[in-house]
C-alpha atoms as a PDB file:
ATOM      1  CA  MET A   1      -5.157 -16.849 -11.157  1.00  0.00           C
ATOM      2  CA  LYS A   2      -6.029 -20.042 -13.029  1.00  0.00           C
ATOM      3  CA  ASP A   3      -2.695 -21.631 -12.046  1.00  0.00           C
ATOM      4  CA  LEU A   4      -3.185 -20.461  -8.464  1.00  0.00           C
ATOM      5  CA  LYS A   5      -6.664 -21.986  -8.307  1.00  0.00           C
ATOM      6  CA  GLU A   6      -5.445 -25.307  -9.719  1.00  0.00           C
ATOM      7  CA  LEU A   7      -2.464 -25.415  -7.366  1.00  0.00           C
ATOM      8  CA  TYR A   8      -4.653 -24.491  -4.411  1.00  0.00           C
ATOM      9  CA  GLU A   9      -6.895 -27.491  -5.106  1.00  0.00           C
ATOM     10  CA  VAL A  10      -3.814 -29.733  -5.319  1.00  0.00           C
ATOM     11  CA  GLY A  11      -2.428 -28.215  -2.116  1.00  0.00           C
ATOM     12  CA  LEU A  12      -5.708 -28.659  -0.282  1.00  0.00           C
ATOM     13  CA  LYS A  13      -5.856 -32.370  -1.135  1.00  0.00           C
ATOM     14  CA  PHE A  14      -2.183 -32.840  -0.310  1.00  0.00           C
ATOM     15  CA  HIS A  15      -2.327 -30.882   2.955  1.00  0.00           C
ATOM     16  CA  GLY A  16      -5.510 -32.520   4.197  1.00  0.00           C
ATOM     17  CA  HIS A  17      -7.370 -29.583   5.763  1.00  0.00           C
ATOM     18  CA  LYS A  18      -8.349 -26.023   4.908  1.00  0.00           C
ATOM     19  CA  CYS A  19      -6.392 -23.334   6.743  1.00  0.00           C
ATOM     20  CA  PRO A  20      -4.920 -19.884   5.996  1.00  0.00           C
ATOM     21  CA  ALA A  21      -1.255 -20.896   6.309  1.00  0.00           C
ATOM     22  CA  MET A  22      -1.158 -23.383   3.423  1.00  0.00           C
ATOM     23  CA  PRO A  23      -2.268 -20.792   0.822  1.00  0.00           C
ATOM     24  CA  MET A  24       0.172 -18.308   2.384  1.00  0.00           C
ATOM     25  CA  GLY A  25       2.969 -20.744   1.560  1.00  0.00           C
ATOM     26  CA  LEU A  26       1.482 -21.397  -1.875  1.00  0.00           C
ATOM     27  CA  ARG A  27       1.449 -17.688  -2.689  1.00  0.00           C
ATOM     28  CA  ALA A  28       4.952 -17.272  -1.253  1.00  0.00           C
ATOM     29  CA  GLY A  29       6.295 -20.122  -3.400  1.00  0.00           C
ATOM     30  CA  LEU A  30       4.718 -18.652  -6.526  1.00  0.00           C
ATOM     31  CA  ALA A  31       6.147 -15.214  -5.701  1.00  0.00           C
ATOM     32  CA  ALA A  32       9.640 -16.693  -5.338  1.00  0.00           C
ATOM     33  CA  MET A  33       9.340 -18.515  -8.668  1.00  0.00           C
ATOM     34  CA  LYS A  34       8.099 -15.371 -10.396  1.00  0.00           C
ATOM     35  CA  THR A  35      11.026 -13.378  -8.998  1.00  0.00           C
ATOM     36  CA  LEU A  36      13.560 -15.919 -10.285  1.00  0.00           C
ATOM     37  CA  GLY A  37      11.684 -16.443 -13.563  1.00  0.00           C
ATOM     38  CA  VAL A  38      11.527 -20.213 -13.111  1.00  0.00           C
ATOM     39  CA  GLU A  39       8.916 -22.918 -13.594  1.00  0.00           C
ATOM     40  CA  ARG A  40       7.755 -25.487 -11.043  1.00  0.00           C
ATOM     41  CA  ALA A  41      10.370 -28.220 -10.502  1.00  0.00           C
ATOM     42  CA  GLN A  42       9.738 -31.467 -12.341  1.00  0.00           C
ATOM     43  CA  ASP A  43      12.899 -33.038 -10.951  1.00  0.00           C
ATOM     44  CA  LYS A  44      15.653 -31.167  -9.075  1.00  0.00           C
ATOM     45  CA  GLU A  45      15.705 -27.904 -11.032  1.00  0.00           C
ATOM     46  CA  LEU A  46      14.838 -25.962  -7.873  1.00  0.00           C
ATOM     47  CA  PHE A  47      15.839 -26.299  -4.228  1.00  0.00           C
ATOM     48  CA  VAL A  48      14.112 -24.922  -1.122  1.00  0.00           C
ATOM     49  CA  VAL A  49      15.900 -24.106   2.119  1.00  0.00           C
ATOM     50  CA  SER A  50      13.060 -23.777   4.605  1.00  0.00           C
ATOM     51  CA  GLU A  51      13.322 -21.890   7.887  1.00  0.00           C
ATOM     52  CA  THR A  52      10.118 -23.442   9.253  1.00  0.00           C
ATOM     53  CA  GLY A  53       9.915 -25.838  12.192  1.00  0.00           C
ATOM     54  CA  LYS A  54       7.244 -28.148  13.565  1.00  0.00           C
ATOM     55  CA  GLY A  55       4.358 -28.021  15.999  1.00  0.00           C
ATOM     56  CA  HIS A  56       2.904 -24.775  14.642  1.00  0.00           C
ATOM     57  CA  ALA A  57       1.446 -23.183  11.516  1.00  0.00           C
ATOM     58  CA  ALA A  58       4.790 -23.089   9.712  1.00  0.00           C
ATOM     59  CA  GLY A  59       4.253 -26.735   8.739  1.00  0.00           C
ATOM     60  CA  CYS A  60       1.078 -25.773   6.888  1.00  0.00           C
ATOM     61  CA  PHE A  61       2.963 -22.889   5.256  1.00  0.00           C
ATOM     62  CA  LEU A  62       5.660 -25.306   4.049  1.00  0.00           C
ATOM     63  CA  ASP A  63       3.118 -27.643   2.457  1.00  0.00           C
ATOM     64  CA  GLY A  64       2.009 -24.663   0.370  1.00  0.00           C
ATOM     65  CA  VAL A  65       5.609 -23.871  -0.596  1.00  0.00           C
ATOM     66  CA  MET A  66       6.175 -27.487  -1.670  1.00  0.00           C
ATOM     67  CA  THR A  67       2.958 -27.531  -3.693  1.00  0.00           C
ATOM     68  CA  ALA A  68       3.908 -24.350  -5.542  1.00  0.00           C
ATOM     69  CA  THR A  69       7.578 -25.068  -6.199  1.00  0.00           C
ATOM     70  CA  GLY A  70       7.578 -28.835  -6.674  1.00  0.00           C
ATOM     71  CA  CYS A  71      10.391 -29.098  -4.120  1.00  0.00           C
ATOM     72  CA  THR A  72       9.647 -32.170  -2.004  1.00  0.00           C
ATOM     73  CA  TYR A  73      11.297 -34.479   0.486  1.00  0.00           C
ATOM     74  CA  GLY A  74      10.770 -37.369  -1.915  1.00  0.00           C
ATOM     75  CA  LYS A  75      12.898 -35.627  -4.554  1.00  0.00           C
ATOM     76  CA  SER A  76      15.409 -34.489  -1.906  1.00  0.00           C
ATOM     77  CA  ASN A  77      15.323 -30.922  -3.168  1.00  0.00           C
ATOM     78  CA  ILE A  78      14.225 -29.379   0.108  1.00  0.00           C
ATOM     79  CA  GLU A  79      15.979 -28.858   3.439  1.00  0.00           C
ATOM     80  CA  LYS A  80      14.440 -27.704   6.711  1.00  0.00           C
ATOM     81  CA  ARG A  81      16.504 -25.565   9.090  1.00  0.00           C
ATOM     82  CA  TYR A  82      14.038 -25.567  12.047  1.00  0.00           C
ATOM     83  CA  PHE A  83      14.348 -21.815  12.717  1.00  0.00           C
ATOM     84  CA  ASN A  84      10.565 -21.662  13.416  1.00  0.00           C
ATOM     85  CA  LYS A  85      10.085 -18.820  10.928  1.00  0.00           C
ATOM     86  CA  MET A  86       7.589 -18.430   8.107  1.00  0.00           C
ATOM     87  CA  ALA A  87      10.372 -18.038   5.580  1.00  0.00           C
ATOM     88  CA  PHE A  88      12.354 -19.932   2.960  1.00  0.00           C
ATOM     89  CA  THR A  89      14.914 -19.461   0.212  1.00  0.00           C
ATOM     90  CA  LEU A  90      14.260 -20.756  -3.296  1.00  0.00           C
ATOM     91  CA  ILE A  91      17.338 -21.645  -5.349  1.00  0.00           C
ATOM     92  CA  ASP A  92      17.599 -22.162  -9.104  1.00  0.00           C
ATOM     93  CA  GLN A  93      19.927 -25.171  -9.292  1.00  0.00           C
ATOM     94  CA  LYS A  94      21.033 -24.364 -12.841  1.00  0.00           C
ATOM     95  CA  THR A  95      22.253 -20.831 -12.172  1.00  0.00           C
ATOM     96  CA  GLY A  96      22.707 -20.530  -8.405  1.00  0.00           C
ATOM     97  CA  ARG A  97      20.319 -17.572  -8.326  1.00  0.00           C
ATOM     98  CA  ALA A  98      18.292 -17.490  -5.122  1.00  0.00           C
ATOM     99  CA  VAL A  99      15.631 -15.420  -3.365  1.00  0.00           C
ATOM    100  CA  ARG A 100      14.399 -15.414   0.233  1.00  0.00           C
ATOM    101  CA  VAL A 101      10.688 -14.908   0.932  1.00  0.00           C
ATOM    102  CA  SER A 102       9.074 -14.376   4.327  1.00  0.00           C
ATOM    103  CA  LEU A 103       5.790 -13.211   5.800  1.00  0.00           C
ATOM    104  CA  LYS A 104       5.705  -9.548   6.764  1.00  0.00           C
ATOM    105  CA  PRO A 105       5.916  -9.348  10.593  1.00  0.00           C
ATOM    106  CA  ASP A 106       2.880  -7.049  10.959  1.00  0.00           C
ATOM    107  CA  PHE A 107       0.770  -9.319   8.774  1.00  0.00           C
ATOM    108  CA  PHE A 108       1.875 -12.445  10.608  1.00  0.00           C
ATOM    109  CA  GLU A 109       1.158 -10.902  14.008  1.00  0.00           C
ATOM    110  CA  LYS A 110      -2.383 -10.040  12.917  1.00  0.00           C
ATOM    111  CA  ALA A 111      -2.839 -13.534  11.461  1.00  0.00           C
ATOM    112  CA  LEU A 112      -1.881 -15.055  14.815  1.00  0.00           C
ATOM    113  CA  ALA A 113      -4.660 -13.029  16.445  1.00  0.00           C
ATOM    114  CA  SER A 114      -7.324 -14.355  14.048  1.00  0.00           C
ATOM    115  CA  PRO A 115     -10.365 -16.365  15.222  1.00  0.00           C
ATOM    116  CA  PHE A 116      -8.922 -19.400  13.410  1.00  0.00           C
ATOM    117  CA  VAL A 117      -5.727 -19.336  15.471  1.00  0.00           C
ATOM    118  CA  GLN A 118      -7.701 -18.735  18.679  1.00  0.00           C
ATOM    119  CA  LYS A 119      -9.662 -21.916  17.948  1.00  0.00           C
ATOM    120  CA  ARG A 120      -6.421 -23.799  17.320  1.00  0.00           C
ATOM    121  CA  LYS A 121      -5.002 -22.514  20.611  1.00  0.00           C
ATOM    122  CA  ALA A 122      -8.087 -23.893  22.301  1.00  0.00           C
ATOM    123  CA  GLY A 123      -7.292 -27.320  20.874  1.00  0.00           C
ATOM    124  CA  VAL A 124      -9.821 -27.442  18.037  1.00  0.00           C
ATOM    125  CA  PRO A 125      -8.479 -29.474  15.061  1.00  0.00           C
ATOM    126  CA  PRO A 126      -8.275 -27.335  11.898  1.00  0.00           C
ATOM    127  CA  GLN A 127     -10.750 -29.517  10.011  1.00  0.00           C
ATOM    128  CA  ASP A 128     -13.342 -28.973  12.784  1.00  0.00           C
ATOM    129  CA  ILE A 129     -13.219 -25.171  12.739  1.00  0.00           C
ATOM    130  CA  GLU A 130     -16.405 -23.648  11.337  1.00  0.00           C
ATOM    131  CA  PRO A 131     -16.290 -22.753   7.616  1.00  0.00           C
ATOM    132  CA  GLU A 132     -17.599 -19.276   8.428  1.00  0.00           C
ATOM    133  CA  ILE A 133     -14.318 -18.691  10.276  1.00  0.00           C
ATOM    134  CA  THR A 134     -11.926 -20.472   7.914  1.00  0.00           C
ATOM    135  CA  ASP A 135     -13.326 -19.675   4.464  1.00  0.00           C
ATOM    136  CA  PRO A 136     -13.098 -15.844   4.591  1.00  0.00           C
ATOM    137  CA  LEU A 137      -9.502 -16.022   5.829  1.00  0.00           C
ATOM    138  CA  VAL A 138      -8.504 -18.422   3.056  1.00  0.00           C
ATOM    139  CA  GLU A 139     -10.300 -16.362   0.383  1.00  0.00           C
ATOM    140  CA  ARG A 140      -8.511 -13.237   1.590  1.00  0.00           C
ATOM    141  CA  ILE A 141      -5.098 -14.897   1.288  1.00  0.00           C
ATOM    142  CA  VAL A 142      -5.869 -16.256  -2.172  1.00  0.00           C
ATOM    143  CA  HIS A 143      -6.838 -12.802  -3.489  1.00  0.00           C
ATOM    144  CA  LEU A 144      -4.584 -10.510  -1.426  1.00  0.00           C
ATOM    145  CA  ASP A 145      -1.872  -8.535  -3.243  1.00  0.00           C
ATOM    146  CA  GLU A 146       1.386 -10.374  -2.487  1.00  0.00           C
ATOM    147  CA  ASN A 147       3.097  -7.110  -1.515  1.00  0.00           C
ATOM    148  CA  ALA A 148       0.627  -6.778   1.352  1.00  0.00           C
ATOM    149  CA  PHE A 149       1.872  -9.858   3.158  1.00  0.00           C
ATOM    150  CA  LEU A 150       5.160 -11.047   1.634  1.00  0.00           C
ATOM    151  CA  ASP A 151       8.703  -9.731   1.940  1.00  0.00           C
ATOM    152  CA  VAL A 152      10.553 -10.808  -1.195  1.00  0.00           C
ATOM    153  CA  GLY A 153      14.279 -10.234  -0.837  1.00  0.00           C
ATOM    154  CA  PRO A 154      16.826  -9.422  -3.522  1.00  0.00           C
ATOM    155  CA  ILE A 155      18.111 -12.067  -5.906  1.00  0.00           C
ATOM    156  CA  HIS A 156      21.501 -13.328  -4.787  1.00  0.00           C
ATOM    157  CA  GLN A 157      23.977 -16.051  -5.771  1.00  0.00           C
ATOM    158  CA  VAL A 158      24.607 -19.235  -3.809  1.00  0.00           C
ATOM    159  CA  GLN A 159      27.107 -22.039  -4.289  1.00  0.00           C
ATOM    160  CA  ILE A 160      25.516 -25.117  -5.847  1.00  0.00           C
ATOM    161  CA  GLU A 161      26.681 -28.526  -4.647  1.00  0.00           C
ATOM    162  CA  LYS A 162      26.357 -30.878  -7.572  1.00  0.00           C
ATOM    163  CA  GLY A 163      26.188 -34.630  -7.239  1.00  0.00           C
ATOM    164  CA  LYS A 164      24.557 -37.656  -8.802  1.00  0.00           C
ATOM    165  CA  GLY A 165      22.015 -39.952  -7.220  1.00  0.00           C
ATOM    166  CA  SER A 166      22.993 -43.511  -6.417  1.00  0.00           C
ATOM    167  CA  PHE A 167      21.303 -46.361  -8.275  1.00  0.00           C
ATOM    168  CA  ALA A 168      23.598 -49.169  -7.067  1.00  0.00           C
ATOM    169  CA  ALA A 169      22.194 -51.296  -4.238  1.00  0.00           C
ATOM    170  CA  LYS A 170      23.185 -54.415  -2.298  1.00  0.00           C
ATOM    171  CA  ARG A 171      21.542 -56.543   0.369  1.00  0.00           C
ATOM    172  CA  CYS A 172      22.517 -55.687   3.918  1.00  0.00           C
ATOM    173  CA  GLU A 173      24.423 -58.616   5.420  1.00  0.00           C
ATOM    174  CA  GLY A 174      22.616 -57.992   8.687  1.00  0.00           C
ATOM    175  CA  CYS A 175      18.881 -57.636   8.005  1.00  0.00           C
ATOM    176  CA  GLY A 176      18.920 -58.654   4.335  1.00  0.00           C
ATOM    177  CA  GLU A 177      17.127 -55.523   3.075  1.00  0.00           C
ATOM    178  CA  LEU A 178      18.263 -53.961  -0.196  1.00  0.00           C
ATOM    179  CA  THR A 179      20.164 -50.750   0.557  1.00  0.00           C
ATOM    180  CA  PHE A 180      21.738 -48.145  -1.732  1.00  0.00           C
ATOM    181  CA  THR A 181      25.493 -48.654  -1.493  1.00  0.00           C
ATOM    182  CA  ASN A 182      26.335 -45.045  -0.587  1.00  0.00           C
ATOM    183  CA  LYS A 183      24.786 -45.708   2.837  1.00  0.00           C
ATOM    184  CA  LEU A 184      26.241 -49.167   3.509  1.00  0.00           C
ATOM    185  CA  ARG A 185      28.862 -49.401   6.250  1.00  0.00           C
ATOM    186  CA  VAL A 186      31.623 -51.970   6.847  1.00  0.00           C
ATOM    187  CA  THR A 187      31.612 -53.731  10.216  1.00  0.00           C
ATOM    188  CA  GLU A 188      34.739 -54.761  12.126  1.00  0.00           C
ATOM    189  CA  ASP A 189      34.385 -58.286  10.755  1.00  0.00           C
ATOM    190  CA  GLY A 190      34.129 -56.985   7.160  1.00  0.00           C
ATOM    191  CA  LYS A 191      30.386 -57.256   6.561  1.00  0.00           C
ATOM    192  CA  LEU A 192      28.483 -54.657   4.517  1.00  0.00           C
ATOM    193  CA  VAL A 193      25.489 -53.543   6.546  1.00  0.00           C
ATOM    194  CA  CYS A 194      22.844 -50.818   6.485  1.00  0.00           C
ATOM    195  CA  MET A 195      22.858 -47.845   8.876  1.00  0.00           C
ATOM    196  CA  PRO A 196      20.466 -49.336  11.485  1.00  0.00           C
ATOM    197  CA  CYS A 197      22.431 -52.610  11.573  1.00  0.00           C
ATOM    198  CA  SER A 198      25.750 -50.748  11.788  1.00  0.00           C
ATOM    199  CA  GLY A 199      24.837 -48.531  14.732  1.00  0.00           C
ATOM    200  CA  TYR A 200      26.145 -45.471  12.851  1.00  0.00           C
ATOM    201  CA  LYS A 201      23.934 -42.392  12.630  1.00  0.00           C
ATOM    202  CA  SER A 202      25.346 -40.947   9.422  1.00  0.00           C
END
């Protein structure tokens, strides 16, 4: 509970507003780590494949998952599939062991009928919703037995793609900005240029 409380405070500052979905993701991330028997990623020890999307509460859920697991876009150990589900798979990069965690459908349906979500539907920003609505919902999530709202799947094996990060960089011969060489492209006249200058998308 001490670790959960500390991580919740970190997640709250990182996420920017108090809502029920962020601690749902936090609890889900911790449940996945417990199932795999792993610690929070300091570098790229873990990888998250998220099934969340954008424009709805799944983004808040994912911020909680990132806070718990240490899998972030900055470290490139997270991938979003845009399935618009409150679900993700956590992978141990050392062993290939993985587990999928999702919100129980019944629980999620009830959560979507909450006064908090009704306010959001009406266009009220989350930070402007009354504490008497938000606080009890958040407290419930923080203290709820994980089996009451999470489906934790079986541990399974996945194929790990191993590669090294690039530290070599050169100036783009178009805009002059320093660019890592694995994303430089050669133009028809033989210049090394960055992606925007090249017109390529990948």
